[in-house]
């Protein structure tokens, strides 16, 4: 049985990243809008976020106003340990 992809990423050092992007649409420049999402990414460079922002700049007609990033490593290598054995409780 394969391990969950998100769990594997956490073991590799990825942490849960929450991103808020504030932007303006060309048709409504006085209306500030927000797009928020979560993904697993590597701090401090955030390569997945960088790829997303590159896509945004190329493909989406919206001017970025600000980006807020919150990052938390849920499981670090020091917290993971393999268990050798099975304990059965009746």
PDB file of N, CA and C in Angstrom:
ATOM      1  N   UNK A   1       0.845  -1.184   0.000  1.00  0.00           N
ATOM      2  CA  UNK A   1       0.000   0.000   0.000  1.00  0.00           C
ATOM      3  C   UNK A   1       0.889   1.245   0.000  1.00  0.00           C
ATOM      4  N   UNK A   2       0.637   2.172  -0.898  1.00  0.00           N
ATOM      5  CA  UNK A   2       1.434   3.387  -1.024  1.00  0.00           C
ATOM      6  C   UNK A   2       1.006   4.415   0.024  1.00  0.00           C
ATOM      7  N   UNK A   3       1.976   5.198   0.446  1.00  0.00           N
ATOM      8  CA  UNK A   3       1.694   6.257   1.418  1.00  0.00           C
ATOM      9  C   UNK A   3       0.977   7.410   0.728  1.00  0.00           C
ATOM     10  N   UNK A   4       0.191   8.143   1.473  1.00  0.00           N
ATOM     11  CA  UNK A   4      -0.497   9.318   0.969  1.00  0.00           C
ATOM     12  C   UNK A   4       0.533  10.333   0.468  1.00  0.00           C
ATOM     13  N   UNK A   5       0.255  10.974  -0.658  1.00  0.00           N
ATOM     14  CA  UNK A   5       1.194  11.925  -1.264  1.00  0.00           C
ATOM     15  C   UNK A   5       1.480  13.087  -0.319  1.00  0.00           C
ATOM     16  N   UNK A   6       0.434  13.627   0.330  1.00  0.00           N
ATOM     17  CA  UNK A   6       0.634  14.747   1.245  1.00  0.00           C
ATOM     18  C   UNK A   6       1.490  14.339   2.443  1.00  0.00           C
ATOM     19  N   UNK A   7       1.278  13.139   2.970  1.00  0.00           N
ATOM     20  CA  UNK A   7       2.087  12.656   4.089  1.00  0.00           C
ATOM     21  C   UNK A   7       3.545  12.515   3.667  1.00  0.00           C
ATOM     22  N   UNK A   8       3.770  11.968   2.477  1.00  0.00           N
ATOM     23  CA  UNK A   8       5.133  11.819   1.967  1.00  0.00           C
ATOM     24  C   UNK A   8       5.804  13.178   1.826  1.00  0.00           C
ATOM     25  N   UNK A   9       5.077  14.159   1.335  1.00  0.00           N
ATOM     26  CA  UNK A   9       5.645  15.506   1.214  1.00  0.00           C
ATOM     27  C   UNK A   9       6.029  16.066   2.581  1.00  0.00           C
ATOM     28  N   UNK A  10       5.203  15.831   3.582  1.00  0.00           N
ATOM     29  CA  UNK A  10       5.521  16.329   4.917  1.00  0.00           C
ATOM     30  C   UNK A  10       6.803  15.703   5.443  1.00  0.00           C
ATOM     31  N   UNK A  11       6.999  14.430   5.194  1.00  0.00           N
ATOM     32  CA  UNK A  11       8.223  13.757   5.623  1.00  0.00           C
ATOM     33  C   UNK A  11       9.431  14.355   4.896  1.00  0.00           C
ATOM     34  N   UNK A  12       9.230  14.783   3.641  1.00  0.00           N
ATOM     35  CA  UNK A  12      10.311  15.373   2.855  1.00  0.00           C
ATOM     36  C   UNK A  12      10.582  16.824   3.228  1.00  0.00           C
ATOM     37  N   UNK A  13       9.825  17.388   4.176  1.00  0.00           N
ATOM     38  CA  UNK A  13      10.073  18.751   4.623  1.00  0.00           C
ATOM     39  C   UNK A  13       9.061  19.776   4.165  1.00  0.00           C
ATOM     40  N   UNK A  14       8.088  19.365   3.373  1.00  0.00           N
ATOM     41  CA  UNK A  14       7.047  20.296   2.945  1.00  0.00           C
ATOM     42  C   UNK A  14       6.166  20.634   4.135  1.00  0.00           C
ATOM     43  N   UNK A  15       5.620  21.834   4.124  1.00  0.00           N
ATOM     44  CA  UNK A  15       4.702  22.246   5.170  1.00  0.00           C
ATOM     45  C   UNK A  15       3.436  22.813   4.562  1.00  0.00           C
ATOM     46  N   UNK A  16       2.361  22.782   5.322  1.00  0.00           N
ATOM     47  CA  UNK A  16       1.097  23.325   4.848  1.00  0.00           C
ATOM     48  C   UNK A  16       1.228  24.842   4.722  1.00  0.00           C
ATOM     49  N   UNK A  17       0.922  25.349   3.543  1.00  0.00           N
ATOM     50  CA  UNK A  17       1.060  26.769   3.252  1.00  0.00           C
ATOM     51  C   UNK A  17      -0.313  27.322   2.887  1.00  0.00           C
ATOM     52  N   UNK A  18      -0.706  28.377   3.572  1.00  0.00           N
ATOM     53  CA  UNK A  18      -1.956  29.067   3.270  1.00  0.00           C
ATOM     54  C   UNK A  18      -1.599  30.370   2.580  1.00  0.00           C
ATOM     55  N   UNK A  19      -2.227  30.611   1.430  1.00  0.00           N
ATOM     56  CA  UNK A  19      -1.907  31.780   0.621  1.00  0.00           C
ATOM     57  C   UNK A  19      -3.165  32.610   0.418  1.00  0.00           C
ATOM     58  N   UNK A  20      -3.038  33.915   0.627  1.00  0.00           N
ATOM     59  CA  UNK A  20      -4.101  34.874   0.307  1.00  0.00           C
ATOM     60  C   UNK A  20      -3.538  35.816  -0.744  1.00  0.00           C
ATOM     61  N   UNK A  21      -4.212  35.897  -1.866  1.00  0.00           N
ATOM     62  CA  UNK A  21      -3.795  36.804  -2.933  1.00  0.00           C
ATOM     63  C   UNK A  21      -4.873  37.866  -3.087  1.00  0.00           C
ATOM     64  N   UNK A  22      -4.480  39.126  -2.929  1.00  0.00           N
ATOM     65  CA  UNK A  22      -5.387  40.245  -3.150  1.00  0.00           C
ATOM     66  C   UNK A  22      -5.072  40.817  -4.523  1.00  0.00           C
ATOM     67  N   UNK A  23      -6.117  41.077  -5.308  1.00  0.00           N
ATOM     68  CA  UNK A  23      -5.906  41.510  -6.690  1.00  0.00           C
ATOM     69  C   UNK A  23      -7.045  42.408  -7.162  1.00  0.00           C
ATOM     70  N   UNK A  24      -6.776  43.116  -8.278  1.00  0.00           N
ATOM     71  CA  UNK A  24      -7.760  43.957  -8.947  1.00  0.00           C
ATOM     72  C   UNK A  24      -8.016  43.384 -10.333  1.00  0.00           C
ATOM     73  N   UNK A  25      -9.262  43.396 -10.769  1.00  0.00           N
ATOM     74  CA  UNK A  25      -9.593  43.040 -12.142  1.00  0.00           C
ATOM     75  C   UNK A  25      -9.588  44.316 -12.983  1.00  0.00           C
ATOM     76  N   UNK A  26      -9.196  44.237 -14.255  1.00  0.00           N
ATOM     77  CA  UNK A  26      -9.153  45.437 -15.101  1.00  0.00           C
ATOM     78  C   UNK A  26     -10.514  46.139 -15.220  1.00  0.00           C
ATOM     79  N   UNK A  27     -11.599  45.377 -15.223  1.00  0.00           N
ATOM     80  CA  UNK A  27     -12.936  45.969 -15.360  1.00  0.00           C
ATOM     81  C   UNK A  27     -13.403  46.688 -14.097  1.00  0.00           C
ATOM     82  N   UNK A  28     -12.825  46.322 -12.948  1.00  0.00           N
ATOM     83  CA  UNK A  28     -13.248  46.897 -11.664  1.00  0.00           C
ATOM     84  C   UNK A  28     -12.016  47.265 -10.827  1.00  0.00           C
ATOM     85  N   UNK A  29     -11.262  48.294 -11.238  1.00  0.00           N
ATOM     86  CA  UNK A  29     -10.013  48.616 -10.538  1.00  0.00           C
ATOM     87  C   UNK A  29     -10.204  49.139  -9.111  1.00  0.00           C
ATOM     88  N   UNK A  30     -11.403  49.566  -8.768  1.00  0.00           N
ATOM     89  CA  UNK A  30     -11.626  50.062  -7.409  1.00  0.00           C
ATOM     90  C   UNK A  30     -12.086  48.964  -6.452  1.00  0.00           C
ATOM     91  N   UNK A  31     -12.239  47.737  -6.957  1.00  0.00           N
ATOM     92  CA  UNK A  31     -12.706  46.624  -6.134  1.00  0.00           C
ATOM     93  C   UNK A  31     -11.551  45.657  -5.868  1.00  0.00           C
ATOM     94  N   UNK A  32     -11.124  45.593  -4.638  1.00  0.00           N
ATOM     95  CA  UNK A  32     -10.058  44.678  -4.241  1.00  0.00           C
ATOM     96  C   UNK A  32     -10.680  43.312  -3.945  1.00  0.00           C
ATOM     97  N   UNK A  33     -10.182  42.270  -4.593  1.00  0.00           N
ATOM     98  CA  UNK A  33     -10.716  40.923  -4.417  1.00  0.00           C
ATOM     99  C   UNK A  33      -9.661  40.021  -3.800  1.00  0.00           C
ATOM    100  N   UNK A  34     -10.103  38.883  -3.240  1.00  0.00           N
ATOM    101  CA  UNK A  34      -9.181  37.976  -2.592  1.00  0.00           C
ATOM    102  C   UNK A  34      -9.407  36.552  -3.087  1.00  0.00           C
ATOM    103  N   UNK A  35      -8.294  35.845  -3.281  1.00  0.00           N
ATOM    104  CA  UNK A  35      -8.299  34.429  -3.632  1.00  0.00           C
ATOM    105  C   UNK A  35      -7.428  33.742  -2.586  1.00  0.00           C
ATOM    106  N   UNK A  36      -7.944  32.706  -1.930  1.00  0.00           N
ATOM    107  CA  UNK A  36      -7.200  32.001  -0.884  1.00  0.00           C
ATOM    108  C   UNK A  36      -7.192  30.506  -1.179  1.00  0.00           C
ATOM    109  N   UNK A  37      -6.061  29.856  -0.862  1.00  0.00           N
ATOM    110  CA  UNK A  37      -5.957  28.411  -1.041  1.00  0.00           C
ATOM    111  C   UNK A  37      -4.829  27.872  -0.173  1.00  0.00           C
ATOM    112  N   UNK A  38      -4.790  26.548  -0.044  1.00  0.00           N
ATOM    113  CA  UNK A  38      -3.754  25.873   0.721  1.00  0.00           C
ATOM    114  C   UNK A  38      -3.089  24.826  -0.157  1.00  0.00           C
ATOM    115  N   UNK A  39      -1.796  24.646   0.072  1.00  0.00           N
ATOM    116  CA  UNK A  39      -1.030  23.605  -0.602  1.00  0.00           C
ATOM    117  C   UNK A  39       0.201  23.307   0.246  1.00  0.00           C
ATOM    118  N   UNK A  40       0.842  22.176  -0.021  1.00  0.00           N
ATOM    119  CA  UNK A  40       2.094  21.863   0.646  1.00  0.00           C
ATOM    120  C   UNK A  40       3.235  22.445  -0.166  1.00  0.00           C
ATOM    121  N   UNK A  41       4.142  23.159   0.510  1.00  0.00           N
ATOM    122  CA  UNK A  41       5.247  23.821  -0.171  1.00  0.00           C
ATOM    123  C   UNK A  41       6.465  23.848   0.740  1.00  0.00           C
ATOM    124  N   UNK A  42       7.607  24.188   0.157  1.00  0.00           N
ATOM    125  CA  UNK A  42       8.871  24.229   0.888  1.00  0.00           C
ATOM    126  C   UNK A  42       9.235  25.673   1.224  1.00  0.00           C
ATOM    127  N   UNK A  43       9.330  25.987   2.509  1.00  0.00           N
ATOM    128  CA  UNK A  43       9.781  27.315   2.936  1.00  0.00           C
ATOM    129  C   UNK A  43      11.307  27.304   2.943  1.00  0.00           C
ATOM    130  N   UNK A  44      11.981  28.374   2.721  1.00  0.00           N
ATOM    131  CA  UNK A  44      11.479  29.741   2.508  1.00  0.00           C
ATOM    132  C   UNK A  44      11.326  30.121   1.042  1.00  0.00           C
ATOM    133  N   UNK A  45      11.692  29.246   0.121  1.00  0.00           N
ATOM    134  CA  UNK A  45      11.648  29.617  -1.311  1.00  0.00           C
ATOM    135  C   UNK A  45      10.268  29.447  -1.938  1.00  0.00           C
ATOM    136  N   UNK A  46       9.446  28.556  -1.426  1.00  0.00           N
ATOM    137  CA  UNK A  46       8.087  28.312  -1.911  1.00  0.00           C
ATOM    138  C   UNK A  46       8.039  28.093  -3.432  1.00  0.00           C
ATOM    139  N   UNK A  47       8.654  27.018  -3.928  1.00  0.00           N
ATOM    140  CA  UNK A  47       8.689  26.784  -5.374  1.00  0.00           C
ATOM    141  C   UNK A  47       7.312  26.561  -6.003  1.00  0.00           C
ATOM    142  N   UNK A  48       6.409  25.899  -5.316  1.00  0.00           N
ATOM    143  CA  UNK A  48       5.066  25.678  -5.887  1.00  0.00           C
ATOM    144  C   UNK A  48       4.306  27.004  -5.988  1.00  0.00           C
ATOM    145  N   UNK A  49       4.427  27.848  -4.978  1.00  0.00           N
ATOM    146  CA  UNK A  49       3.789  29.168  -5.019  1.00  0.00           C
ATOM    147  C   UNK A  49       4.387  30.001  -6.151  1.00  0.00           C
ATOM    148  N   UNK A  50       5.707  29.951  -6.321  1.00  0.00           N
ATOM    149  CA  UNK A  50       6.354  30.697  -7.403  1.00  0.00           C
ATOM    150  C   UNK A  50       5.826  30.258  -8.772  1.00  0.00           C
ATOM    151  N   UNK A  51       5.662  28.947  -8.972  1.00  0.00           N
ATOM    152  CA  UNK A  51       5.116  28.455 -10.243  1.00  0.00           C
ATOM    153  C   UNK A  51       3.690  28.962 -10.451  1.00  0.00           C
ATOM    154  N   UNK A  52       2.894  28.948  -9.374  1.00  0.00           N
ATOM    155  CA  UNK A  52       1.519  29.441  -9.480  1.00  0.00           C
ATOM    156  C   UNK A  52       1.510  30.926  -9.836  1.00  0.00           C
ATOM    157  N   UNK A  53       2.364  31.717  -9.182  1.00  0.00           N
ATOM    158  CA  UNK A  53       2.401  33.155  -9.463  1.00  0.00           C
ATOM    159  C   UNK A  53       2.903  33.442 -10.879  1.00  0.00           C
ATOM    160  N   UNK A  54       3.853  32.656 -11.371  1.00  0.00           N
ATOM    161  CA  UNK A  54       4.294  32.802 -12.756  1.00  0.00           C
ATOM    162  C   UNK A  54       3.131  32.556 -13.712  1.00  0.00           C
ATOM    163  N   UNK A  55       2.345  31.507 -13.430  1.00  0.00           N
ATOM    164  CA  UNK A  55       1.159  31.215 -14.242  1.00  0.00           C
ATOM    165  C   UNK A  55       0.173  32.388 -14.166  1.00  0.00           C
ATOM    166  N   UNK A  56      -0.048  32.905 -12.965  1.00  0.00           N
ATOM    167  CA  UNK A  56      -0.984  34.018 -12.771  1.00  0.00           C
ATOM    168  C   UNK A  56      -0.556  35.208 -13.625  1.00  0.00           C
ATOM    169  N   UNK A  57       0.706  35.577 -13.558  1.00  0.00           N
ATOM    170  CA  UNK A  57       1.203  36.740 -14.298  1.00  0.00           C
ATOM    171  C   UNK A  57       1.071  36.558 -15.806  1.00  0.00           C
ATOM    172  N   UNK A  58       1.252  35.324 -16.296  1.00  0.00           N
ATOM    173  CA  UNK A  58       1.171  35.051 -17.736  1.00  0.00           C
ATOM    174  C   UNK A  58      -0.263  34.938 -18.235  1.00  0.00           C
ATOM    175  N   UNK A  59      -1.133  34.281 -17.465  1.00  0.00           N
ATOM    176  CA  UNK A  59      -2.431  33.847 -17.982  1.00  0.00           C
ATOM    177  C   UNK A  59      -3.657  34.593 -17.446  1.00  0.00           C
ATOM    178  N   UNK A  60      -3.525  35.272 -16.334  1.00  0.00           N
ATOM    179  CA  UNK A  60      -4.705  35.888 -15.701  1.00  0.00           C
ATOM    180  C   UNK A  60      -4.604  37.405 -15.802  1.00  0.00           C
ATOM    181  N   UNK A  61      -5.670  38.005 -16.283  1.00  0.00           N
ATOM    182  CA  UNK A  61      -5.686  39.456 -16.439  1.00  0.00           C
ATOM    183  C   UNK A  61      -6.164  40.111 -15.151  1.00  0.00           C
ATOM    184  N   UNK A  62      -5.333  40.057 -14.157  1.00  0.00           N
ATOM    185  CA  UNK A  62      -5.638  40.685 -12.870  1.00  0.00           C
ATOM    186  C   UNK A  62      -4.330  41.193 -12.289  1.00  0.00           C
ATOM    187  N   UNK A  63      -4.363  42.416 -11.779  1.00  0.00           N
ATOM    188  CA  UNK A  63      -3.175  43.016 -11.189  1.00  0.00           C
ATOM    189  C   UNK A  63      -3.051  42.576  -9.732  1.00  0.00           C
ATOM    190  N   UNK A  64      -1.899  42.027  -9.393  1.00  0.00           N
ATOM    191  CA  UNK A  64      -1.661  41.618  -8.006  1.00  0.00           C
ATOM    192  C   UNK A  64      -1.498  42.846  -7.125  1.00  0.00           C
ATOM    193  N   UNK A  65      -2.162  42.832  -5.990  1.00  0.00           N
ATOM    194  CA  UNK A  65      -2.025  43.906  -5.008  1.00  0.00           C
ATOM    195  C   UNK A  65      -1.101  43.470  -3.880  1.00  0.00           C
ATOM    196  N   UNK A  66      -1.382  42.306  -3.296  1.00  0.00           N
ATOM    197  CA  UNK A  66      -0.549  41.801  -2.203  1.00  0.00           C
ATOM    198  C   UNK A  66      -0.742  40.291  -2.070  1.00  0.00           C
ATOM    199  N   UNK A  67       0.240  39.666  -1.445  1.00  0.00           N
ATOM    200  CA  UNK A  67       0.202  38.225  -1.211  1.00  0.00           C
ATOM    201  C   UNK A  67       0.595  37.985   0.235  1.00  0.00           C
ATOM    202  N   UNK A  68      -0.226  37.232   0.959  1.00  0.00           N
ATOM    203  CA  UNK A  68       0.069  36.863   2.348  1.00  0.00           C
ATOM    204  C   UNK A  68       0.288  35.364   2.397  1.00  0.00           C
ATOM    205  N   UNK A  69       1.351  34.950   3.080  1.00  0.00           N
ATOM    206  CA  UNK A  69       1.707  33.540   3.154  1.00  0.00           C
ATOM    207  C   UNK A  69       1.851  33.149   4.623  1.00  0.00           C
ATOM    208  N   UNK A  70       1.195  32.061   5.000  1.00  0.00           N
ATOM    209  CA  UNK A  70       1.365  31.461   6.325  1.00  0.00           C
ATOM    210  C   UNK A  70       1.820  30.029   6.095  1.00  0.00           C
ATOM    211  N   UNK A  71       2.844  29.615   6.821  1.00  0.00           N
ATOM    212  CA  UNK A  71       3.439  28.302   6.576  1.00  0.00           C
ATOM    213  C   UNK A  71       3.680  27.601   7.915  1.00  0.00           C
ATOM    214  N   UNK A  72       3.358  26.304   7.944  1.00  0.00           N
ATOM    215  CA  UNK A  72       3.571  25.524   9.159  1.00  0.00           C
ATOM    216  C   UNK A  72       3.953  24.105   8.772  1.00  0.00           C
ATOM    217  N   UNK A  73       5.085  23.665   9.252  1.00  0.00           N
ATOM    218  CA  UNK A  73       5.480  22.276   9.017  1.00  0.00           C
ATOM    219  C   UNK A  73       4.748  21.404  10.022  1.00  0.00           C
ATOM    220  N   UNK A  74       3.863  20.587   9.514  1.00  0.00           N
ATOM    221  CA  UNK A  74       3.045  19.769  10.403  1.00  0.00           C
ATOM    222  C   UNK A  74       3.825  18.587  10.962  1.00  0.00           C
ATOM    223  N   UNK A  75       4.632  17.955  10.129  1.00  0.00           N
ATOM    224  CA  UNK A  75       5.427  16.813  10.569  1.00  0.00           C
ATOM    225  C   UNK A  75       6.844  17.043  10.089  1.00  0.00           C
ATOM    226  N   UNK A  76       7.782  17.035  11.009  1.00  0.00           N
ATOM    227  CA  UNK A  76       9.181  17.181  10.634  1.00  0.00           C
ATOM    228  C   UNK A  76       9.898  15.861  10.755  1.00  0.00           C
ATOM    229  N   UNK A  77      11.073  15.750  10.131  1.00  0.00           N
ATOM    230  CA  UNK A  77      11.818  14.496  10.217  1.00  0.00           C
ATOM    231  C   UNK A  77      12.102  14.062  11.649  1.00  0.00           C
ATOM    232  N   UNK A  78      12.285  15.023  12.564  1.00  0.00           N
ATOM    233  CA  UNK A  78      12.570  14.673  13.943  1.00  0.00           C
ATOM    234  C   UNK A  78      11.352  14.083  14.660  1.00  0.00           C
ATOM    235  N   UNK A  79      10.156  14.267  14.117  1.00  0.00           N
ATOM    236  CA  UNK A  79       8.947  13.759  14.748  1.00  0.00           C
ATOM    237  C   UNK A  79       8.536  12.401  14.202  1.00  0.00           C
ATOM    238  N   UNK A  80       9.150  11.967  13.146  1.00  0.00           N
ATOM    239  CA  UNK A  80       8.806  10.693  12.529  1.00  0.00           C
ATOM    240  C   UNK A  80       9.778   9.626  13.017  1.00  0.00           C
ATOM    241  N   UNK A  81       9.241   8.497  13.423  1.00  0.00           N
ATOM    242  CA  UNK A  81      10.106   7.374  13.781  1.00  0.00           C
ATOM    243  C   UNK A  81       9.399   6.090  13.402  1.00  0.00           C
ATOM    244  N   UNK A  82      10.141   5.198  12.826  1.00  0.00           N
ATOM    245  CA  UNK A  82       9.583   3.918  12.434  1.00  0.00           C
ATOM    246  C   UNK A  82       9.399   3.046  13.666  1.00  0.00           C
ATOM    247  N   UNK A  83       8.338   2.294  13.687  1.00  0.00           N
ATOM    248  CA  UNK A  83       8.052   1.401  14.810  1.00  0.00           C
ATOM    249  C   UNK A  83       8.266  -0.021  14.335  1.00  0.00           C
ATOM    250  N   UNK A  84       9.028  -0.750  15.097  1.00  0.00           N
ATOM    251  CA  UNK A  84       9.319  -2.134  14.743  1.00  0.00           C
ATOM    252  C   UNK A  84       8.547  -3.030  15.694  1.00  0.00           C
ATOM    253  N   UNK A  85       7.480  -3.619  15.212  1.00  0.00           N
ATOM    254  CA  UNK A  85       6.683  -4.517  16.055  1.00  0.00           C
ATOM    255  C   UNK A  85       5.227  -4.137  16.096  1.00  0.00           C
ATOM    256  N   UNK A  86       4.420  -5.066  16.542  1.00  0.00           N
ATOM    257  CA  UNK A  86       2.983  -4.863  16.653  1.00  0.00           C
ATOM    258  C   UNK A  86       2.570  -5.242  18.049  1.00  0.00           C
ATOM    259  N   UNK A  87       1.777  -4.378  18.671  1.00  0.00           N
ATOM    260  CA  UNK A  87       1.258  -4.667  20.013  1.00  0.00           C
ATOM    261  C   UNK A  87      -0.242  -4.863  19.867  1.00  0.00           C
ATOM    262  N   UNK A  88      -0.746  -5.988  20.339  1.00  0.00           N
ATOM    263  CA  UNK A  88      -2.160  -6.307  20.287  1.00  0.00           C
ATOM    264  C   UNK A  88      -2.763  -6.161  21.677  1.00  0.00           C
ATOM    265  N   UNK A  89      -3.841  -5.387  21.764  1.00  0.00           N
ATOM    266  CA  UNK A  89      -4.554  -5.222  23.025  1.00  0.00           C
ATOM    267  C   UNK A  89      -5.898  -5.914  22.934  1.00  0.00           C
ATOM    268  N   UNK A  90      -6.282  -6.617  23.988  1.00  0.00           N
ATOM    269  CA  UNK A  90      -7.569  -7.310  23.981  1.00  0.00           C
ATOM    270  C   UNK A  90      -8.626  -6.463  24.649  1.00  0.00           C
TER     271      UNK A  90
END
